[in-house]
Amino acid sequence: MSWTPYYRGTGVRPADGLEPAKLPAPPPWRAPSGQQGADSGKDPATTYRPIPGLIDAVNAALHLRRPLLLTGRAGSGKSTVIRQIAAELGLGQVLHWHVTSRSTLADALYRYDALGRIHAHNLRTVDDKVRTDGDDYGDDIGEFVQLGPLGTALLPGRRPRALLIDEIDKSDLDLPSDLLDVLERGGFEVPELARHHKRVIVARTADKDGKGVIEDGWVQCAEFPVIVLTSNGERDFPAPFLRRCIRFNMPPLSQETLTDIVAAHLGDIEDSTTAALVQDFLKKLNAGEYVAIDQLLNAVYLLRGLQVPDADQRQGLQDMLLQGLGRG
């Protein structure tokens, strides 16, 4: 790739009869979902490089059927671990629950659209009379129940599902404790379906166009899902929650580890520019600056070799791409 100023700041449209310039292909890690690795020939899961001790922690969690709690600074690759686990174990698409301060356990399990069902029911009429027989006329409650990422992960299946619970430390104080019962039992009730006269309901899942069968209003896994929780270390968790997790703290990144990560994404990186960028990034980390690995990948992708020949422009781009994220 060479540096090309597609945007020039003039606002001038291409001349009549001329095709607009075709934008460059994105970096491998920025290709749309399903297309990543298409040009490079790499599966994204293969570009992750586990740090020492992490493989043992993952295997311990798999043997004990416990969630794996990964703690470390943002951008250290915590959320990528589950993608590699799912790829190696053939667990299919990773389910993702991104936790915020407003997240609740109920949202992660399922949602019931009561108002939507009432509205749909009122629209169904025969000879200006409301249809009252929901079973016969398609008023299926399953259309208005959607399992969340955790609820979908707990559906029974031949293979366990992989679930990422991202940034659990951003949650409300009670959420980790609320998770305990569900993670211990591997199941939960959907009260709206438990009260329904039909024993078997087909509901939507968190997968695209996915459907799941729920019997007697109860979801019960056949295999405990493979769960990775991530934390940036911004809070402590209650002891009962920690007791039910396998915990692993991501150690500080080294120059060797960073070089391996960049090489896994970009291939041959034996050049002075890449080495200098890795050293500058590591210096920022050691100084306590809040920077993420994807910033380093962006900088190497754009600036390696002589892609940007002007020295001042190169420095300006480097400063822009590797600027701190505002927290130490």
C-alpha atoms as a PDB file:
ATOM      1  CA  MET A   1       0.000   0.000   0.000  1.00  0.00           C
ATOM      2  CA  SER A   2       1.198   3.526  -0.782  1.00  0.00           C
ATOM      3  CA  TRP A   3      -0.055   6.792   0.673  1.00  0.00           C
ATOM      4  CA  THR A   4      -2.571   8.412  -1.684  1.00  0.00           C
ATOM      5  CA  PRO A   5      -4.462  11.631  -0.851  1.00  0.00           C
ATOM      6  CA  TYR A   6      -7.923  10.613  -2.073  1.00  0.00           C
ATOM      7  CA  TYR A   7      -9.413  13.612  -0.318  1.00  0.00           C
ATOM      8  CA  ARG A   8      -7.759  16.923  -1.262  1.00  0.00           C
ATOM      9  CA  GLY A   9     -10.002  19.423   0.478  1.00  0.00           C
ATOM     10  CA  THR A  10     -11.183  21.171  -2.708  1.00  0.00           C
ATOM     11  CA  GLY A  11     -14.771  19.971  -2.931  1.00  0.00           C
ATOM     12  CA  VAL A  12     -14.333  19.618  -6.710  1.00  0.00           C
ATOM     13  CA  ARG A  13     -16.249  16.731  -8.252  1.00  0.00           C
ATOM     14  CA  PRO A  14     -14.638  14.431 -10.816  1.00  0.00           C
ATOM     15  CA  ALA A  15     -14.849  15.782 -14.355  1.00  0.00           C
ATOM     16  CA  ASP A  16     -17.681  14.523 -16.541  1.00  0.00           C
ATOM     17  CA  GLY A  17     -16.944  11.092 -17.931  1.00  0.00           C
ATOM     18  CA  LEU A  18     -14.276  10.303 -15.311  1.00  0.00           C
ATOM     19  CA  GLU A  19     -14.793   7.578 -12.761  1.00  0.00           C
ATOM     20  CA  PRO A  20     -14.287   8.616  -9.118  1.00  0.00           C
ATOM     21  CA  ALA A  21     -11.143   7.224  -7.556  1.00  0.00           C
ATOM     22  CA  LYS A  22     -11.617   3.757  -6.036  1.00  0.00           C
ATOM     23  CA  LEU A  23     -10.881   3.748  -2.329  1.00  0.00           C
ATOM     24  CA  PRO A  24      -8.148   1.380  -1.078  1.00  0.00           C
ATOM     25  CA  ALA A  25      -8.882  -1.995   0.455  1.00  0.00           C
ATOM     26  CA  PRO A  26      -9.217  -1.792   4.257  1.00  0.00           C
ATOM     27  CA  PRO A  27      -6.677  -3.350   6.621  1.00  0.00           C
ATOM     28  CA  PRO A  28      -7.365  -7.051   7.266  1.00  0.00           C
ATOM     29  CA  TRP A  29      -8.828  -6.318  10.705  1.00  0.00           C
ATOM     30  CA  ARG A  30     -11.204  -3.652   9.319  1.00  0.00           C
ATOM     31  CA  ALA A  31     -12.858  -5.684   6.574  1.00  0.00           C
ATOM     32  CA  PRO A  32     -16.628  -6.120   7.003  1.00  0.00           C
ATOM     33  CA  SER A  33     -17.693  -9.149   9.009  1.00  0.00           C
ATOM     34  CA  GLY A  34     -17.500 -12.264   6.877  1.00  0.00           C
ATOM     35  CA  GLN A  35     -14.874 -10.741   4.567  1.00  0.00           C
ATOM     36  CA  GLN A  36     -11.987 -10.498   7.004  1.00  0.00           C
ATOM     37  CA  GLY A  37      -8.992 -12.397   5.800  1.00  0.00           C
ATOM     38  CA  ALA A  38     -10.377 -12.734   2.287  1.00  0.00           C
ATOM     39  CA  ASP A  39      -7.485 -10.871   0.686  1.00  0.00           C
ATOM     40  CA  SER A  40      -4.765 -11.810   3.121  1.00  0.00           C
ATOM     41  CA  GLY A  41      -5.729 -15.477   3.245  1.00  0.00           C
ATOM     42  CA  LYS A  42      -5.682 -15.356   7.059  1.00  0.00           C
ATOM     43  CA  ASP A  43      -8.414 -16.308   9.445  1.00  0.00           C
ATOM     44  CA  PRO A  44      -8.664 -13.441  11.976  1.00  0.00           C
ATOM     45  CA  ALA A  45      -8.543 -15.969  14.826  1.00  0.00           C
ATOM     46  CA  THR A  46      -5.051 -17.043  13.732  1.00  0.00           C
ATOM     47  CA  THR A  47      -3.606 -13.535  14.115  1.00  0.00           C
ATOM     48  CA  TYR A  48      -3.996 -13.506  17.901  1.00  0.00           C
ATOM     49  CA  ARG A  49      -0.886 -14.384  19.924  1.00  0.00           C
ATOM     50  CA  PRO A  50      -1.623 -15.662  23.446  1.00  0.00           C
ATOM     51  CA  ILE A  51       0.690 -14.383  26.150  1.00  0.00           C
ATOM     52  CA  PRO A  52       2.454 -16.803  28.520  1.00  0.00           C
ATOM     53  CA  GLY A  53       0.071 -18.442  30.962  1.00  0.00           C
ATOM     54  CA  LEU A  54      -3.093 -17.628  29.025  1.00  0.00           C
ATOM     55  CA  ILE A  55      -3.332 -21.015  27.296  1.00  0.00           C
ATOM     56  CA  ASP A  56      -3.259 -22.785  30.670  1.00  0.00           C
ATOM     57  CA  ALA A  57      -5.939 -20.425  32.019  1.00  0.00           C
ATOM     58  CA  VAL A  58      -8.204 -21.128  29.040  1.00  0.00           C
ATOM     59  CA  ASN A  59      -7.775 -24.885  29.390  1.00  0.00           C
ATOM     60  CA  ALA A  60      -8.443 -24.711  33.122  1.00  0.00           C
ATOM     61  CA  ALA A  61     -11.710 -22.899  32.411  1.00  0.00           C
ATOM     62  CA  LEU A  62     -12.646 -25.493  29.784  1.00  0.00           C
ATOM     63  CA  HIS A  63     -11.909 -28.440  32.074  1.00  0.00           C
ATOM     64  CA  LEU A  64     -13.803 -26.926  35.012  1.00  0.00           C
ATOM     65  CA  ARG A  65     -16.662 -25.502  32.913  1.00  0.00           C
ATOM     66  CA  ARG A  66     -16.122 -22.117  34.534  1.00  0.00           C
ATOM     67  CA  PRO A  67     -16.160 -18.632  32.986  1.00  0.00           C
ATOM     68  CA  LEU A  68     -12.744 -17.111  32.299  1.00  0.00           C
ATOM     69  CA  LEU A  69     -12.318 -13.583  33.695  1.00  0.00           C
ATOM     70  CA  LEU A  70      -9.576 -11.669  31.887  1.00  0.00           C
ATOM     71  CA  THR A  71      -8.355  -8.452  33.480  1.00  0.00           C
ATOM     72  CA  GLY A  72      -6.053  -5.962  31.786  1.00  0.00           C
ATOM     73  CA  ARG A  73      -5.853  -2.593  30.157  1.00  0.00           C
ATOM     74  CA  ALA A  74      -8.019  -1.831  27.144  1.00  0.00           C
ATOM     75  CA  GLY A  75      -6.522  -2.855  23.822  1.00  0.00           C
ATOM     76  CA  SER A  76      -4.517  -5.755  25.272  1.00  0.00           C
ATOM     77  CA  GLY A  77      -6.410  -8.335  23.206  1.00  0.00           C
ATOM     78  CA  LYS A  78      -8.740  -9.681  25.918  1.00  0.00           C
ATOM     79  CA  SER A  79     -11.854  -9.790  23.742  1.00  0.00           C
ATOM     80  CA  THR A  80     -10.005 -11.562  20.927  1.00  0.00           C
ATOM     81  CA  VAL A  81      -9.318 -14.646  23.047  1.00  0.00           C
ATOM     82  CA  ILE A  82     -12.862 -16.004  22.734  1.00  0.00           C
ATOM     83  CA  ARG A  83     -12.745 -15.766  18.933  1.00  0.00           C
ATOM     84  CA  GLN A  84      -9.645 -17.932  18.856  1.00  0.00           C
ATOM     85  CA  ILE A  85     -11.175 -20.410  21.318  1.00  0.00           C
ATOM     86  CA  ALA A  86     -14.357 -20.646  19.237  1.00  0.00           C
ATOM     87  CA  ALA A  87     -12.370 -21.176  16.035  1.00  0.00           C
ATOM     88  CA  GLU A  88     -10.145 -23.923  17.463  1.00  0.00           C
ATOM     89  CA  LEU A  89     -12.998 -25.766  19.192  1.00  0.00           C
ATOM     90  CA  GLY A  90     -15.512 -25.358  16.362  1.00  0.00           C
ATOM     91  CA  LEU A  91     -18.054 -23.515  18.538  1.00  0.00           C
ATOM     92  CA  GLY A  92     -19.498 -21.392  15.760  1.00  0.00           C
ATOM     93  CA  GLN A  93     -20.244 -17.674  15.824  1.00  0.00           C
ATOM     94  CA  VAL A  94     -19.278 -15.924  19.056  1.00  0.00           C
ATOM     95  CA  LEU A  95     -22.155 -14.346  20.953  1.00  0.00           C
ATOM     96  CA  HIS A  96     -21.356 -10.884  22.305  1.00  0.00           C
ATOM     97  CA  TRP A  97     -22.797  -9.042  25.304  1.00  0.00           C
ATOM     98  CA  HIS A  98     -21.229  -5.603  25.651  1.00  0.00           C
ATOM     99  CA  VAL A  99     -21.927  -4.450  29.216  1.00  0.00           C
ATOM    100  CA  THR A 100     -22.667  -0.833  30.154  1.00  0.00           C
ATOM    101  CA  SER A 101     -23.834   0.824  33.352  1.00  0.00           C
ATOM    102  CA  ARG A 102     -27.422   0.369  32.116  1.00  0.00           C
ATOM    103  CA  SER A 103     -27.120  -3.347  31.321  1.00  0.00           C
ATOM    104  CA  THR A 104     -29.374  -5.765  33.165  1.00  0.00           C
ATOM    105  CA  LEU A 105     -29.394  -9.524  33.414  1.00  0.00           C
ATOM    106  CA  ALA A 106     -32.927  -9.595  31.990  1.00  0.00           C
ATOM    107  CA  ASP A 107     -31.794  -7.909  28.754  1.00  0.00           C
ATOM    108  CA  ALA A 108     -29.033 -10.475  28.316  1.00  0.00           C
ATOM    109  CA  LEU A 109     -31.473 -13.359  28.827  1.00  0.00           C
ATOM    110  CA  TYR A 110     -34.516 -12.337  26.774  1.00  0.00           C
ATOM    111  CA  ARG A 111     -36.891  -9.557  25.799  1.00  0.00           C
ATOM    112  CA  TYR A 112     -40.656  -9.821  25.480  1.00  0.00           C
ATOM    113  CA  ASP A 113     -42.397  -7.255  23.282  1.00  0.00           C
ATOM    114  CA  ALA A 114     -45.803  -7.179  24.979  1.00  0.00           C
ATOM    115  CA  LEU A 115     -46.928  -3.977  23.260  1.00  0.00           C
ATOM    116  CA  GLY A 116     -45.943  -5.345  19.864  1.00  0.00           C
ATOM    117  CA  ARG A 117     -47.974  -8.472  20.477  1.00  0.00           C
ATOM    118  CA  ILE A 118     -51.032  -6.483  21.542  1.00  0.00           C
ATOM    119  CA  HIS A 119     -50.753  -4.268  18.481  1.00  0.00           C
ATOM    120  CA  ALA A 120     -50.402  -7.268  16.150  1.00  0.00           C
ATOM    121  CA  HIS A 121     -53.366  -8.966  17.801  1.00  0.00           C
ATOM    122  CA  ASN A 122     -55.568  -5.903  17.328  1.00  0.00           C
ATOM    123  CA  LEU A 123     -54.739  -5.800  13.626  1.00  0.00           C
ATOM    124  CA  ARG A 124     -55.966  -9.343  13.049  1.00  0.00           C
ATOM    125  CA  THR A 125     -59.675  -9.212  12.303  1.00  0.00           C
ATOM    126  CA  VAL A 126     -62.179 -11.388  10.516  1.00  0.00           C
ATOM    127  CA  ASP A 127     -65.357  -9.658   9.365  1.00  0.00           C
ATOM    128  CA  ASP A 128     -64.508  -6.694  11.580  1.00  0.00           C
ATOM    129  CA  LYS A 129     -64.236  -8.963  14.623  1.00  0.00           C
ATOM    130  CA  VAL A 130     -61.068  -9.458  16.636  1.00  0.00           C
ATOM    131  CA  ARG A 131     -59.559 -12.883  16.117  1.00  0.00           C
ATOM    132  CA  THR A 132     -59.430 -14.562  19.477  1.00  0.00           C
ATOM    133  CA  ASP A 133     -57.845 -17.903  18.608  1.00  0.00           C
ATOM    134  CA  GLY A 134     -54.139 -17.025  18.579  1.00  0.00           C
ATOM    135  CA  ASP A 135     -52.996 -20.526  17.663  1.00  0.00           C
ATOM    136  CA  ASP A 136     -55.215 -20.801  14.610  1.00  0.00           C
ATOM    137  CA  TYR A 137     -54.661 -17.301  13.285  1.00  0.00           C
ATOM    138  CA  GLY A 138     -50.932 -16.904  13.703  1.00  0.00           C
ATOM    139  CA  ASP A 139     -50.848 -14.858  16.931  1.00  0.00           C
ATOM    140  CA  ASP A 140     -47.689 -16.687  17.979  1.00  0.00           C
ATOM    141  CA  ILE A 141     -46.137 -15.405  21.200  1.00  0.00           C
ATOM    142  CA  GLY A 142     -42.774 -16.712  19.999  1.00  0.00           C
ATOM    143  CA  GLU A 143     -42.638 -13.925  17.430  1.00  0.00           C
ATOM    144  CA  PHE A 144     -42.437 -11.422  20.271  1.00  0.00           C
ATOM    145  CA  VAL A 145     -39.828 -13.158  22.424  1.00  0.00           C
ATOM    146  CA  GLN A 146     -36.157 -12.727  21.549  1.00  0.00           C
ATOM    147  CA  LEU A 147     -33.381 -14.348  23.525  1.00  0.00           C
ATOM    148  CA  GLY A 148     -30.414 -12.158  24.336  1.00  0.00           C
ATOM    149  CA  PRO A 149     -26.770 -13.260  23.967  1.00  0.00           C
ATOM    150  CA  LEU A 150     -26.664 -15.033  27.329  1.00  0.00           C
ATOM    151  CA  GLY A 151     -30.086 -16.596  26.798  1.00  0.00           C
ATOM    152  CA  THR A 152     -29.044 -17.837  23.361  1.00  0.00           C
ATOM    153  CA  ALA A 153     -25.827 -19.297  24.784  1.00  0.00           C
ATOM    154  CA  LEU A 154     -27.897 -21.337  27.263  1.00  0.00           C
ATOM    155  CA  LEU A 155     -30.069 -23.014  24.632  1.00  0.00           C
ATOM    156  CA  PRO A 156     -29.416 -26.769  24.471  1.00  0.00           C
ATOM    157  CA  GLY A 157     -27.318 -27.956  21.541  1.00  0.00           C
ATOM    158  CA  ARG A 158     -24.793 -30.534  20.399  1.00  0.00           C
ATOM    159  CA  ARG A 159     -21.902 -28.183  21.070  1.00  0.00           C
ATOM    160  CA  PRO A 160     -21.565 -25.420  23.671  1.00  0.00           C
ATOM    161  CA  ARG A 161     -21.766 -21.826  22.456  1.00  0.00           C
ATOM    162  CA  ALA A 162     -19.010 -19.251  22.910  1.00  0.00           C
ATOM    163  CA  LEU A 163     -20.012 -16.044  24.688  1.00  0.00           C
ATOM    164  CA  LEU A 164     -18.056 -12.837  25.274  1.00  0.00           C
ATOM    165  CA  ILE A 165     -19.242 -10.703  28.205  1.00  0.00           C
ATOM    166  CA  ASP A 166     -17.254  -7.572  27.485  1.00  0.00           C
ATOM    167  CA  GLU A 167     -16.263  -4.948  30.090  1.00  0.00           C
ATOM    168  CA  ILE A 168     -18.112  -6.489  33.017  1.00  0.00           C
ATOM    169  CA  ASP A 169     -16.491  -3.863  35.258  1.00  0.00           C
ATOM    170  CA  LYS A 170     -18.651  -1.184  33.593  1.00  0.00           C
ATOM    171  CA  SER A 171     -21.804  -2.825  34.963  1.00  0.00           C
ATOM    172  CA  ASP A 172     -24.109  -1.812  37.770  1.00  0.00           C
ATOM    173  CA  LEU A 173     -22.763  -3.005  41.134  1.00  0.00           C
ATOM    174  CA  ASP A 174     -25.381  -5.764  41.422  1.00  0.00           C
ATOM    175  CA  LEU A 175     -24.993  -7.324  37.971  1.00  0.00           C
ATOM    176  CA  PRO A 176     -22.095  -9.725  38.769  1.00  0.00           C
ATOM    177  CA  SER A 177     -24.071 -11.093  41.724  1.00  0.00           C
ATOM    178  CA  ASP A 178     -27.204 -11.359  39.582  1.00  0.00           C
ATOM    179  CA  LEU A 179     -25.274 -13.557  37.158  1.00  0.00           C
ATOM    180  CA  LEU A 180     -24.351 -16.148  39.776  1.00  0.00           C
ATOM    181  CA  ASP A 181     -27.559 -18.163  39.830  1.00  0.00           C
ATOM    182  CA  VAL A 182     -27.854 -18.345  36.034  1.00  0.00           C
ATOM    183  CA  LEU A 183     -24.205 -19.344  35.596  1.00  0.00           C
ATOM    184  CA  GLU A 184     -24.512 -22.007  38.292  1.00  0.00           C
ATOM    185  CA  ARG A 185     -27.736 -23.594  37.031  1.00  0.00           C
ATOM    186  CA  GLY A 186     -27.132 -23.059  33.342  1.00  0.00           C
ATOM    187  CA  GLY A 187     -30.786 -22.225  32.876  1.00  0.00           C
ATOM    188  CA  PHE A 188     -33.522 -19.658  33.443  1.00  0.00           C
ATOM    189  CA  GLU A 189     -37.278 -19.225  33.177  1.00  0.00           C
ATOM    190  CA  VAL A 190     -39.189 -17.072  30.714  1.00  0.00           C
ATOM    191  CA  PRO A 191     -42.325 -16.362  32.800  1.00  0.00           C
ATOM    192  CA  GLU A 192     -44.400 -15.202  29.828  1.00  0.00           C
ATOM    193  CA  LEU A 193     -43.865 -18.566  28.161  1.00  0.00           C
ATOM    194  CA  ALA A 194     -44.236 -20.590  31.348  1.00  0.00           C
ATOM    195  CA  ARG A 195     -47.782 -19.184  31.681  1.00  0.00           C
ATOM    196  CA  HIS A 196     -48.643 -19.869  28.034  1.00  0.00           C
ATOM    197  CA  HIS A 197     -50.915 -22.808  27.223  1.00  0.00           C
ATOM    198  CA  LYS A 198     -48.546 -24.075  24.510  1.00  0.00           C
ATOM    199  CA  ARG A 199     -45.737 -26.195  25.944  1.00  0.00           C
ATOM    200  CA  VAL A 200     -43.352 -25.711  23.047  1.00  0.00           C
ATOM    201  CA  ILE A 201     -42.589 -22.223  21.726  1.00  0.00           C
ATOM    202  CA  VAL A 202     -40.164 -21.255  18.956  1.00  0.00           C
ATOM    203  CA  ALA A 203     -38.547 -17.912  19.795  1.00  0.00           C
ATOM    204  CA  ARG A 204     -36.029 -15.722  18.066  1.00  0.00           C
ATOM    205  CA  THR A 205     -32.401 -15.790  19.228  1.00  0.00           C
ATOM    206  CA  ALA A 206     -29.469 -13.389  19.215  1.00  0.00           C
ATOM    207  CA  ASP A 207     -28.155 -15.050  16.049  1.00  0.00           C
ATOM    208  CA  LYS A 208     -29.110 -13.522  12.717  1.00  0.00           C
ATOM    209  CA  ASP A 209     -32.381 -15.175  11.652  1.00  0.00           C
ATOM    210  CA  GLY A 210     -31.867 -17.657  14.486  1.00  0.00           C
ATOM    211  CA  LYS A 211     -34.672 -19.645  16.132  1.00  0.00           C
ATOM    212  CA  GLY A 212     -34.675 -21.628  19.354  1.00  0.00           C
ATOM    213  CA  VAL A 213     -37.139 -24.059  20.919  1.00  0.00           C
ATOM    214  CA  ILE A 214     -38.270 -23.343  24.491  1.00  0.00           C
ATOM    215  CA  GLU A 215     -40.250 -25.977  26.387  1.00  0.00           C
ATOM    216  CA  ASP A 216     -42.497 -25.127  29.342  1.00  0.00           C
ATOM    217  CA  GLY A 217     -41.003 -21.656  29.522  1.00  0.00           C
ATOM    218  CA  TRP A 218     -37.589 -22.957  30.639  1.00  0.00           C
ATOM    219  CA  VAL A 219     -34.230 -22.623  28.885  1.00  0.00           C
ATOM    220  CA  GLN A 220     -31.648 -25.172  30.049  1.00  0.00           C
ATOM    221  CA  CYS A 221     -28.245 -25.738  28.475  1.00  0.00           C
ATOM    222  CA  ALA A 222     -27.066 -29.255  27.646  1.00  0.00           C
ATOM    223  CA  GLU A 223     -23.447 -28.029  27.805  1.00  0.00           C
ATOM    224  CA  PHE A 224     -22.316 -25.023  29.815  1.00  0.00           C
ATOM    225  CA  PRO A 225     -21.332 -22.286  27.353  1.00  0.00           C
ATOM    226  CA  VAL A 226     -17.706 -21.243  27.001  1.00  0.00           C
ATOM    227  CA  ILE A 227     -17.705 -17.770  28.537  1.00  0.00           C
ATOM    228  CA  VAL A 228     -14.966 -15.154  28.559  1.00  0.00           C
ATOM    229  CA  LEU A 229     -15.542 -12.052  30.667  1.00  0.00           C
ATOM    230  CA  THR A 230     -13.273  -9.045  30.259  1.00  0.00           C
ATOM    231  CA  SER A 231     -12.474  -6.312  32.743  1.00  0.00           C
ATOM    232  CA  ASN A 232     -10.256  -3.250  32.503  1.00  0.00           C
ATOM    233  CA  GLY A 233      -9.579  -3.518  36.234  1.00  0.00           C
ATOM    234  CA  GLU A 234     -11.610  -0.450  37.126  1.00  0.00           C
ATOM    235  CA  ARG A 235     -13.453  -2.069  40.062  1.00  0.00           C
ATOM    236  CA  ASP A 236     -13.449  -5.033  42.428  1.00  0.00           C
ATOM    237  CA  PHE A 237     -15.949  -7.877  42.242  1.00  0.00           C
ATOM    238  CA  PRO A 238     -17.678  -9.730  45.098  1.00  0.00           C
ATOM    239  CA  ALA A 239     -15.922 -12.856  46.345  1.00  0.00           C
ATOM    240  CA  PRO A 240     -18.781 -15.260  45.433  1.00  0.00           C
ATOM    241  CA  PHE A 241     -18.551 -14.074  41.822  1.00  0.00           C
ATOM    242  CA  LEU A 242     -14.753 -14.382  41.687  1.00  0.00           C
ATOM    243  CA  ARG A 243     -14.939 -17.858  43.239  1.00  0.00           C
ATOM    244  CA  ARG A 244     -16.946 -19.059  40.257  1.00  0.00           C
ATOM    245  CA  CYS A 245     -14.480 -17.742  37.678  1.00  0.00           C
ATOM    246  CA  ILE A 246     -11.026 -18.721  36.489  1.00  0.00           C
ATOM    247  CA  ARG A 247      -9.107 -15.452  36.707  1.00  0.00           C
ATOM    248  CA  PHE A 248      -6.168 -14.317  34.617  1.00  0.00           C
ATOM    249  CA  ASN A 249      -4.435 -10.932  34.698  1.00  0.00           C
ATOM    250  CA  MET A 250      -2.941  -9.856  31.389  1.00  0.00           C
ATOM    251  CA  PRO A 251       0.740  -9.001  32.051  1.00  0.00           C
ATOM    252  CA  PRO A 252       2.446  -5.874  30.676  1.00  0.00           C
ATOM    253  CA  LEU A 253       3.219  -6.055  26.972  1.00  0.00           C
ATOM    254  CA  SER A 254       6.827  -6.496  25.866  1.00  0.00           C
ATOM    255  CA  GLN A 255       8.531  -5.410  22.653  1.00  0.00           C
ATOM    256  CA  GLU A 256       8.722  -9.047  21.544  1.00  0.00           C
ATOM    257  CA  THR A 257       5.000  -9.583  22.162  1.00  0.00           C
ATOM    258  CA  LEU A 258       4.062  -6.391  20.305  1.00  0.00           C
ATOM    259  CA  THR A 259       6.278  -7.333  17.370  1.00  0.00           C
ATOM    260  CA  ASP A 260       4.661 -10.778  17.193  1.00  0.00           C
ATOM    261  CA  ILE A 261       1.184  -9.209  17.216  1.00  0.00           C
ATOM    262  CA  VAL A 262       2.024  -6.802  14.397  1.00  0.00           C
ATOM    263  CA  ALA A 263       3.670  -9.576  12.369  1.00  0.00           C
ATOM    264  CA  ALA A 264       0.615 -11.806  12.794  1.00  0.00           C
ATOM    265  CA  HIS A 265      -1.589  -9.123  11.219  1.00  0.00           C
ATOM    266  CA  LEU A 266       0.751  -7.648   8.622  1.00  0.00           C
ATOM    267  CA  GLY A 267       3.260 -10.351   7.765  1.00  0.00           C
ATOM    268  CA  ASP A 268       6.891  -9.388   7.131  1.00  0.00           C
ATOM    269  CA  ILE A 269       7.704  -6.322   9.264  1.00  0.00           C
ATOM    270  CA  GLU A 270      11.492  -6.369   9.196  1.00  0.00           C
ATOM    271  CA  ASP A 271      11.938  -2.633   8.642  1.00  0.00           C
ATOM    272  CA  SER A 272      13.207   0.261  10.703  1.00  0.00           C
ATOM    273  CA  THR A 273       9.896   2.144  10.630  1.00  0.00           C
ATOM    274  CA  THR A 274       7.975  -0.694  12.251  1.00  0.00           C
ATOM    275  CA  ALA A 275      10.657  -1.191  14.900  1.00  0.00           C
ATOM    276  CA  ALA A 276      10.628   2.526  15.725  1.00  0.00           C
ATOM    277  CA  LEU A 277       6.825   2.586  15.986  1.00  0.00           C
ATOM    278  CA  VAL A 278       6.806  -0.438  18.296  1.00  0.00           C
ATOM    279  CA  GLN A 279       9.450   1.188  20.509  1.00  0.00           C
ATOM    280  CA  ASP A 280       7.540   4.486  20.609  1.00  0.00           C
ATOM    281  CA  PHE A 281       4.303   2.668  21.464  1.00  0.00           C
ATOM    282  CA  LEU A 282       6.022   0.679  24.233  1.00  0.00           C
ATOM    283  CA  LYS A 283       7.538   3.884  25.629  1.00  0.00           C
ATOM    284  CA  LYS A 284       4.055   5.390  25.875  1.00  0.00           C
ATOM    285  CA  LEU A 285       2.770   2.270  27.646  1.00  0.00           C
ATOM    286  CA  ASN A 286       5.614   2.293  30.149  1.00  0.00           C
ATOM    287  CA  ALA A 287       5.025   5.990  30.815  1.00  0.00           C
ATOM    288  CA  GLY A 288       1.461   5.183  31.850  1.00  0.00           C
ATOM    289  CA  GLU A 289      -0.252   6.567  28.739  1.00  0.00           C
ATOM    290  CA  TYR A 290      -3.542   4.955  27.767  1.00  0.00           C
ATOM    291  CA  VAL A 291      -3.014   3.568  24.257  1.00  0.00           C
ATOM    292  CA  ALA A 292      -4.381   0.451  22.552  1.00  0.00           C
ATOM    293  CA  ILE A 293      -2.801  -2.160  20.303  1.00  0.00           C
ATOM    294  CA  ASP A 294      -5.092  -1.365  17.388  1.00  0.00           C
ATOM    295  CA  GLN A 295      -3.568   2.136  17.366  1.00  0.00           C
ATOM    296  CA  LEU A 296      -0.151   0.567  16.829  1.00  0.00           C
ATOM    297  CA  LEU A 297      -1.518  -1.607  14.024  1.00  0.00           C
ATOM    298  CA  ASN A 298      -3.030   1.476  12.372  1.00  0.00           C
ATOM    299  CA  ALA A 299       0.260   3.359  12.575  1.00  0.00           C
ATOM    300  CA  VAL A 300       2.345   0.489  11.188  1.00  0.00           C
ATOM    301  CA  TYR A 301      -0.164  -0.149   8.390  1.00  0.00           C
ATOM    302  CA  LEU A 302      -0.037   3.471   7.214  1.00  0.00           C
ATOM    303  CA  LEU A 303       3.549   4.453   7.943  1.00  0.00           C
ATOM    304  CA  ARG A 304       5.760   1.374   7.422  1.00  0.00           C
ATOM    305  CA  GLY A 305       8.520   1.707   4.846  1.00  0.00           C
ATOM    306  CA  LEU A 306       8.417   4.836   2.715  1.00  0.00           C
ATOM    307  CA  GLN A 307       4.672   5.008   2.141  1.00  0.00           C
ATOM    308  CA  VAL A 308       4.617   8.605   3.452  1.00  0.00           C
ATOM    309  CA  PRO A 309       7.866  10.162   2.204  1.00  0.00           C
ATOM    310  CA  ASP A 310       7.449  13.628   3.753  1.00  0.00           C
ATOM    311  CA  ALA A 311       9.053  13.542   7.226  1.00  0.00           C
ATOM    312  CA  ASP A 312       6.836  16.230   8.786  1.00  0.00           C
ATOM    313  CA  GLN A 313       3.694  14.582   7.445  1.00  0.00           C
ATOM    314  CA  ARG A 314       4.842  11.210   8.773  1.00  0.00           C
ATOM    315  CA  GLN A 315       5.442  12.639  12.234  1.00  0.00           C
ATOM    316  CA  GLY A 316       2.082  14.371  12.241  1.00  0.00           C
ATOM    317  CA  LEU A 317       0.300  11.175  11.282  1.00  0.00           C
ATOM    318  CA  GLN A 318       2.225   9.200  13.907  1.00  0.00           C
ATOM    319  CA  ASP A 319       1.329  11.688  16.639  1.00  0.00           C
ATOM    320  CA  MET A 320      -2.321  11.581  15.563  1.00  0.00           C
ATOM    321  CA  LEU A 321      -2.535   7.779  15.414  1.00  0.00           C
ATOM    322  CA  LEU A 322      -0.704   7.112  18.692  1.00  0.00           C
ATOM    323  CA  GLN A 323      -2.169   9.874  20.830  1.00  0.00           C
ATOM    324  CA  GLY A 324      -3.359   8.849  24.275  1.00  0.00           C
ATOM    325  CA  LEU A 325      -6.970   7.888  24.873  1.00  0.00           C
ATOM    326  CA  GLY A 326      -7.438  10.110  27.878  1.00  0.00           C
ATOM    327  CA  ARG A 327      -7.091   7.710  30.814  1.00  0.00           C
ATOM    328  CA  GLY A 328      -4.079   6.336  32.594  1.00  0.00           C
END
